Amino acid sequence: MGNHTEDVASTLSSFCGPPVAGDDGSFLRSDCRTGALAAGVHCAFAVAVVPCIVYLRHRYRNKSWLRLRCHNLRWLVTTALLMLALGWIAEAILTDCASSSAAAARPYAHVLSTSLLVAVTCSIIYYHTIEIRNLPLLLVLLLCYWTLGIVAHGVRVASLYSRLANGAAVGGPRLFLDSSVFILFVVLLLIECYLFLQARVSRVAATESHYLTILYLYSL
């Protein structure tokens, strides 16, 4: 039992690398644990959405292009998110290359940045599949992903600012990347909420128009 515990601790230590500045062992101030939380959200979305994409492409073969509202804004934001993910990968590689030894490497940072890149790429493919098959209600999966991503990256941003407030040296690029990803996730969530609100208003308007037409016909 003792050896098993030591093996787990050794694995976690290898995955997280040496403690970063300001890490006092708590969850909020642990860059590794908050990074693992965010990576878990991205991986879970990728695992869930890939079968959905495959199913939709085989189940709905007829294509009827539906250009949803905020189409251009969504593509602009997701492209910026892809660029940030690539920048995050580059930051993790450069940080490890600049470290004095292999023991100072941060494998979790590579997992986080790569999982973000994969998840955002999957979200683009999923959204494109929804548009060309005219299935806007399936955007609910993206709504859940943006919400969970905001929570996970909000925790990371809070962790960085908490360590910064305690005088710890937090890298400028890392703070910029985390904050930017959080903001873009908020923008994407607002887009989804706007689309669902517009869909609800359209359904209500269509129902009212239908009833008014019936009343008019009965009054003739």
Protein backbone atom coordinates (compact mmCIF):
# COMPACT_ATOMS: atom_id res chain seq x y z
CA MET A 1 0.00 0.00 0.00
CA GLY A 2 2.82 2.34 0.89
CA ASN A 3 4.65 1.61 -2.37
CA HIS A 4 1.45 2.24 -4.36
CA THR A 5 0.98 5.62 -2.67
CA GLU A 6 4.59 6.52 -3.40
CA ASP A 7 4.16 5.52 -7.06
CA VAL A 8 1.07 7.73 -7.38
CA ALA A 9 2.86 10.63 -5.72
CA SER A 10 5.84 10.14 -8.02
CA THR A 11 3.59 10.09 -11.09
CA LEU A 12 1.83 13.26 -10.02
CA SER A 13 5.15 14.92 -9.31
CA SER A 14 6.43 13.98 -12.77
CA PHE A 15 3.23 15.25 -14.38
CA CYS A 16 3.15 18.55 -12.49
CA GLY A 17 6.85 19.27 -12.34
CA PRO A 18 8.34 21.37 -9.55
CA PRO A 19 5.97 23.66 -7.59
CA VAL A 20 5.52 27.06 -9.20
CA ALA A 21 5.95 30.32 -7.32
CA GLY A 22 3.08 30.93 -4.91
CA ASP A 23 1.94 27.30 -4.84
CA ASP A 24 1.11 26.57 -1.19
CA GLY A 25 -0.47 23.17 -1.84
CA SER A 26 -4.07 24.40 -2.01
CA PHE A 27 -6.17 23.69 -5.10
CA LEU A 28 -6.73 27.33 -6.03
CA ARG A 29 -3.03 28.19 -6.01
CA SER A 30 -1.89 25.01 -7.77
CA ASP A 31 -1.17 25.71 -11.43
CA CYS A 32 -1.05 21.98 -12.13
CA ARG A 33 -4.41 21.13 -10.54
CA THR A 34 -6.27 24.03 -12.11
CA GLY A 35 -4.64 23.15 -15.43
CA ALA A 36 -5.75 19.53 -15.05
CA LEU A 37 -9.32 20.76 -14.39
CA ALA A 38 -9.35 22.82 -17.60
CA ALA A 39 -7.73 20.02 -19.60
CA GLY A 40 -10.36 17.60 -18.29
CA VAL A 41 -13.14 19.86 -19.60
CA HIS A 42 -11.52 20.10 -23.05
CA CYS A 43 -10.86 16.35 -23.26
CA ALA A 44 -14.39 15.49 -22.11
CA PHE A 45 -15.88 17.74 -24.80
CA ALA A 46 -13.66 16.27 -27.51
CA VAL A 47 -14.58 12.71 -26.49
CA ALA A 48 -18.30 13.61 -26.44
CA VAL A 49 -18.45 15.62 -29.66
CA VAL A 50 -16.48 13.35 -32.02
CA PRO A 51 -19.14 10.55 -31.97
CA CYS A 52 -21.82 13.23 -32.46
CA ILE A 53 -20.04 14.56 -35.55
CA VAL A 54 -19.67 11.06 -37.00
CA TYR A 55 -23.33 10.23 -36.31
CA LEU A 56 -24.66 13.48 -37.79
CA ARG A 57 -22.59 13.12 -40.94
CA HIS A 58 -23.96 9.60 -41.52
CA ARG A 59 -27.53 10.16 -40.28
CA TYR A 60 -28.26 13.46 -42.05
CA ARG A 61 -26.79 13.22 -45.52
CA ASN A 62 -28.99 15.94 -47.03
CA LYS A 63 -27.28 19.30 -46.78
CA SER A 64 -29.30 22.50 -46.47
CA TRP A 65 -26.95 25.33 -45.56
CA LEU A 66 -28.20 27.38 -42.62
CA ARG A 67 -26.15 30.46 -41.84
CA LEU A 68 -26.88 31.21 -38.21
CA ARG A 69 -26.80 34.67 -36.69
CA CYS A 70 -23.38 35.92 -35.53
CA HIS A 71 -21.77 33.54 -38.02
CA ASN A 72 -18.86 35.86 -38.86
CA LEU A 73 -18.32 36.86 -35.23
CA ARG A 74 -18.21 33.21 -34.16
CA TRP A 75 -15.61 32.35 -36.78
CA LEU A 76 -13.53 35.37 -35.79
CA VAL A 77 -13.61 34.42 -32.10
CA THR A 78 -12.89 30.71 -32.69
CA THR A 79 -10.00 31.61 -35.01
CA ALA A 80 -8.56 33.84 -32.27
CA LEU A 81 -9.05 30.95 -29.84
CA LEU A 82 -7.09 28.64 -32.15
CA MET A 83 -4.28 31.19 -32.34
CA LEU A 84 -4.20 31.41 -28.54
CA ALA A 85 -4.03 27.61 -28.27
CA LEU A 86 -1.08 27.55 -30.66
CA GLY A 87 0.54 30.34 -28.66
CA TRP A 88 -0.03 28.36 -25.47
CA ILE A 89 1.69 25.32 -26.99
CA ALA A 90 4.63 27.50 -28.03
CA GLU A 91 4.81 29.08 -24.54
CA ALA A 92 4.90 25.65 -22.88
CA ILE A 93 7.65 24.41 -25.23
CA LEU A 94 9.78 27.54 -24.82
CA THR A 95 9.39 27.48 -21.03
CA ASP A 96 10.54 23.85 -20.87
CA CYS A 97 13.43 24.55 -23.25
CA ALA A 98 14.54 27.48 -21.09
CA SER A 99 14.44 25.40 -17.88
CA SER A 100 17.78 24.29 -16.49
CA SER A 101 16.91 20.58 -16.24
CA ALA A 102 14.39 18.00 -17.43
CA ALA A 103 13.02 17.81 -13.87
CA ALA A 104 11.73 21.37 -14.24
CA ALA A 105 9.51 20.44 -17.20
CA ARG A 106 5.73 20.93 -16.94
CA PRO A 107 3.97 18.10 -18.84
CA TYR A 108 0.55 19.30 -17.66
CA ALA A 109 1.03 22.56 -19.57
CA HIS A 110 1.44 20.60 -22.81
CA VAL A 111 -1.65 18.52 -22.05
CA LEU A 112 -3.69 21.65 -21.34
CA SER A 113 -2.64 23.56 -24.46
CA THR A 114 -2.98 20.54 -26.76
CA SER A 115 -6.39 19.57 -25.37
CA LEU A 116 -7.58 23.17 -25.88
CA LEU A 117 -6.42 23.09 -29.51
CA VAL A 118 -8.14 19.74 -30.15
CA ALA A 119 -11.38 20.80 -28.42
CA VAL A 120 -11.63 24.11 -30.29
CA THR A 121 -10.95 22.34 -33.59
CA CYS A 122 -13.72 19.84 -32.78
CA SER A 123 -16.08 22.71 -31.91
CA ILE A 124 -15.46 24.28 -35.33
CA ILE A 125 -16.16 21.00 -37.14
CA TYR A 126 -19.26 20.41 -35.00
CA TYR A 127 -20.61 23.90 -35.67
CA HIS A 128 -20.00 23.53 -39.39
CA THR A 129 -21.83 20.19 -39.34
CA ILE A 130 -24.79 21.82 -37.57
CA GLU A 131 -24.93 24.65 -40.11
CA ILE A 132 -24.82 22.54 -43.27
CA ARG A 133 -27.42 20.11 -41.88
CA ASN A 134 -29.71 22.77 -40.42
CA LEU A 135 -29.74 21.46 -36.82
CA PRO A 136 -29.42 24.60 -34.64
CA LEU A 137 -30.89 22.95 -31.53
CA LEU A 138 -27.76 20.80 -31.24
CA LEU A 139 -25.82 23.93 -30.29
CA VAL A 140 -26.78 23.03 -26.72
CA LEU A 141 -23.64 20.86 -26.56
CA LEU A 142 -21.49 23.90 -27.36
CA LEU A 143 -23.45 25.90 -24.79
CA CYS A 144 -22.47 23.35 -22.13
CA TYR A 145 -18.84 23.34 -23.27
CA TRP A 146 -18.46 27.12 -23.18
CA THR A 147 -20.06 27.20 -19.72
CA LEU A 148 -17.76 24.53 -18.28
CA GLY A 149 -14.78 26.14 -20.00
CA ILE A 150 -15.60 29.48 -18.39
CA VAL A 151 -15.72 27.81 -14.97
CA ALA A 152 -12.44 25.94 -15.49
CA HIS A 153 -10.50 28.86 -16.95
CA GLY A 154 -12.09 31.24 -14.46
CA VAL A 155 -10.56 29.10 -11.72
CA ARG A 156 -7.19 29.30 -13.48
CA VAL A 157 -7.38 33.08 -13.82
CA ALA A 158 -8.39 33.38 -10.16
CA SER A 159 -5.45 31.13 -9.26
CA LEU A 160 -2.98 33.29 -11.18
CA TYR A 161 -4.27 36.54 -9.70
CA SER A 162 -4.30 35.00 -6.21
CA ARG A 163 -0.65 34.05 -6.52
CA LEU A 164 0.15 37.43 -8.05
CA ALA A 165 -1.53 39.21 -5.12
CA ASN A 166 0.71 37.25 -2.72
CA GLY A 167 3.82 38.54 -4.47
CA ALA A 168 4.54 35.46 -6.58
CA ALA A 169 6.14 35.95 -9.98
CA VAL A 170 3.53 34.98 -12.56
CA GLY A 171 4.66 34.95 -16.17
CA GLY A 172 3.11 37.68 -18.30
CA PRO A 173 2.42 35.42 -21.33
CA ARG A 174 0.67 32.84 -19.15
CA LEU A 175 -1.54 35.46 -17.52
CA PHE A 176 -2.39 36.93 -20.92
CA LEU A 177 -3.19 33.54 -22.45
CA ASP A 178 -5.40 32.40 -19.57
CA SER A 179 -7.27 35.69 -19.38
CA SER A 180 -7.77 35.86 -23.15
CA VAL A 181 -9.11 32.29 -23.36
CA PHE A 182 -11.52 33.05 -20.51
CA ILE A 183 -12.79 36.20 -22.25
CA LEU A 184 -13.26 34.44 -25.60
CA PHE A 185 -15.19 31.61 -23.93
CA VAL A 186 -17.49 34.24 -22.39
CA VAL A 187 -18.05 35.80 -25.82
CA LEU A 188 -18.89 32.41 -27.34
CA LEU A 189 -21.30 31.64 -24.49
CA LEU A 190 -23.06 34.97 -25.09
CA ILE A 191 -23.38 34.11 -28.78
CA GLU A 192 -25.02 30.77 -27.94
CA CYS A 193 -27.40 32.42 -25.45
CA TYR A 194 -28.33 35.03 -28.06
CA LEU A 195 -29.05 32.34 -30.66
CA PHE A 196 -31.28 30.38 -28.27
CA LEU A 197 -33.08 33.57 -27.26
CA GLN A 198 -33.66 34.47 -30.91
CA ALA A 199 -34.93 30.96 -31.62
CA ARG A 200 -37.40 31.22 -28.76
CA VAL A 201 -38.63 34.64 -29.91
CA SER A 202 -39.03 33.32 -33.46
CA ARG A 203 -41.08 30.33 -32.25
CA VAL A 204 -43.34 32.58 -30.17
CA ALA A 205 -43.81 34.98 -33.09
CA ALA A 206 -44.63 32.10 -35.44
CA THR A 207 -47.18 30.69 -33.00
CA GLU A 208 -48.85 34.07 -32.54
CA SER A 209 -48.96 34.60 -36.30
CA HIS A 210 -50.55 31.17 -36.74
CA TYR A 211 -53.30 31.90 -34.21
CA LEU A 212 -53.96 35.36 -35.67
CA THR A 213 -54.35 33.81 -39.11
CA ILE A 214 -56.86 31.29 -37.76
CA LEU A 215 -58.87 34.02 -36.01
CA TYR A 216 -58.90 36.12 -39.16
CA LEU A 217 -60.17 33.20 -41.25
CA TYR A 218 -62.94 32.46 -38.72
CA SER A 219 -63.99 36.12 -38.71
CA LEU A 220 -64.62 36.14 -42.48
